[in-house]
Amino acid sequence: MAKHVVVTGRVQGVSFRAWTRQQAEARGVSGWVRNRVDGSVEAILAGPDAAVEALITALHEGPAAARVEAVQVTEAKAPSEIGFQIVN
């Protein structure tokens, strides 16, 4: 399973990307996360269905300093690389 996720709210400047990478690695999810110019955070998540769904559920909360307003999820193509990266 692979999903494209866009998280909106107060999600930049609150360690959201580092937190997402930590959560992804703990669940064995591959992909990447990055900040977008519109203030949102975008990610590609790939891995076992249950792990990806669990991470998406966690993204609705985010790290303690974040205030998530919405999480938009669409289908995506799985990345060719294993592991999870913070990209620019």
Protein backbone atom coordinates (compact mmCIF):
# COMPACT_ATOMS: atom_id res chain seq x y z
CA MET A 1 0.00 0.00 0.00
CA ALA A 2 1.19 3.51 -0.77
CA LYS A 3 -0.51 6.79 0.13
CA HIS A 4 0.10 10.46 -0.58
CA VAL A 5 -0.75 12.55 2.48
CA VAL A 6 -1.07 16.31 2.95
CA VAL A 7 -1.40 17.55 6.53
CA THR A 8 -2.62 21.09 7.19
CA GLY A 9 -2.74 23.22 10.32
CA ARG A 10 0.14 24.30 12.53
CA VAL A 11 2.49 21.64 11.19
CA GLN A 12 5.67 23.55 10.31
CA GLY A 13 8.14 24.71 12.93
CA VAL A 14 6.93 22.07 15.40
CA SER A 15 9.25 19.15 14.44
CA PHE A 16 6.47 17.51 12.43
CA ARG A 17 8.83 16.07 9.80
CA ALA A 18 11.24 14.57 12.33
CA TRP A 19 8.33 13.17 14.33
CA THR A 20 6.83 11.67 11.16
CA ARG A 21 10.13 10.00 10.27
CA GLN A 22 10.38 8.55 13.78
CA GLN A 23 6.80 7.24 13.62
CA ALA A 24 7.35 5.78 10.13
CA GLU A 25 10.58 4.02 11.11
CA ALA A 26 8.93 2.55 14.21
CA ARG A 27 6.20 1.06 12.00
CA GLY A 28 8.44 -0.09 9.14
CA VAL A 29 6.94 2.42 6.71
CA SER A 30 9.03 3.71 3.79
CA GLY A 31 8.72 7.00 1.95
CA TRP A 32 9.45 10.66 2.56
CA VAL A 33 8.11 13.82 4.19
CA ARG A 34 8.63 17.50 3.34
CA ASN A 35 7.33 20.99 4.08
CA ARG A 36 5.34 22.71 1.35
CA VAL A 37 5.39 26.43 0.60
CA ASP A 38 1.70 26.72 1.55
CA GLY A 39 2.53 25.79 5.17
CA SER A 40 1.36 22.19 4.95
CA VAL A 41 3.40 18.99 5.25
CA GLU A 42 3.36 16.41 2.45
CA ALA A 43 4.37 12.75 2.66
CA ILE A 44 4.46 9.52 0.72
CA LEU A 45 3.91 6.49 2.95
CA ALA A 46 4.45 2.93 1.75
CA GLY A 47 4.41 -0.42 3.49
CA PRO A 48 2.07 -3.01 4.98
CA ASP A 49 -1.55 -1.83 4.99
CA ALA A 50 -1.90 -1.89 8.78
CA ALA A 51 1.35 0.05 9.30
CA VAL A 52 0.44 2.76 6.78
CA GLU A 53 -3.07 3.10 8.23
CA ALA A 54 -1.65 3.33 11.77
CA LEU A 55 0.73 6.09 10.68
CA ILE A 56 -2.08 7.99 8.98
CA THR A 57 -4.08 7.76 12.20
CA ALA A 58 -1.08 9.12 14.14
CA LEU A 59 -0.71 11.99 11.65
CA HIS A 60 -4.16 13.23 12.68
CA GLU A 61 -2.61 14.05 16.09
CA GLY A 62 1.00 14.86 15.21
CA PRO A 63 3.66 15.85 17.75
CA ALA A 64 2.68 17.70 20.92
CA ALA A 65 3.31 21.22 19.55
CA ALA A 66 1.35 20.64 16.33
CA ARG A 67 -2.28 21.53 15.69
CA VAL A 68 -3.53 19.34 12.85
CA GLU A 69 -6.58 20.70 11.06
CA ALA A 70 -6.91 18.17 8.22
CA VAL A 71 -5.25 15.13 6.70
CA GLN A 72 -5.90 14.54 2.99
CA VAL A 73 -5.08 11.01 1.79
CA THR A 74 -4.92 9.78 -1.81
CA GLU A 75 -3.46 6.74 -3.56
CA ALA A 76 0.21 6.93 -4.54
CA LYS A 77 2.93 4.99 -6.27
CA ALA A 78 5.30 3.33 -3.81
CA PRO A 79 8.82 4.80 -3.74
CA SER A 80 11.57 2.57 -5.11
CA GLU A 81 13.80 3.04 -2.05
CA ILE A 82 13.42 1.38 1.33
CA GLY A 83 13.59 3.65 4.37
CA PHE A 84 12.09 7.00 5.30
CA GLN A 85 13.63 10.37 4.45
CA ILE A 86 13.05 14.03 5.20
CA VAL A 87 13.35 15.81 1.85
CA ASN A 88 13.31 19.46 0.78
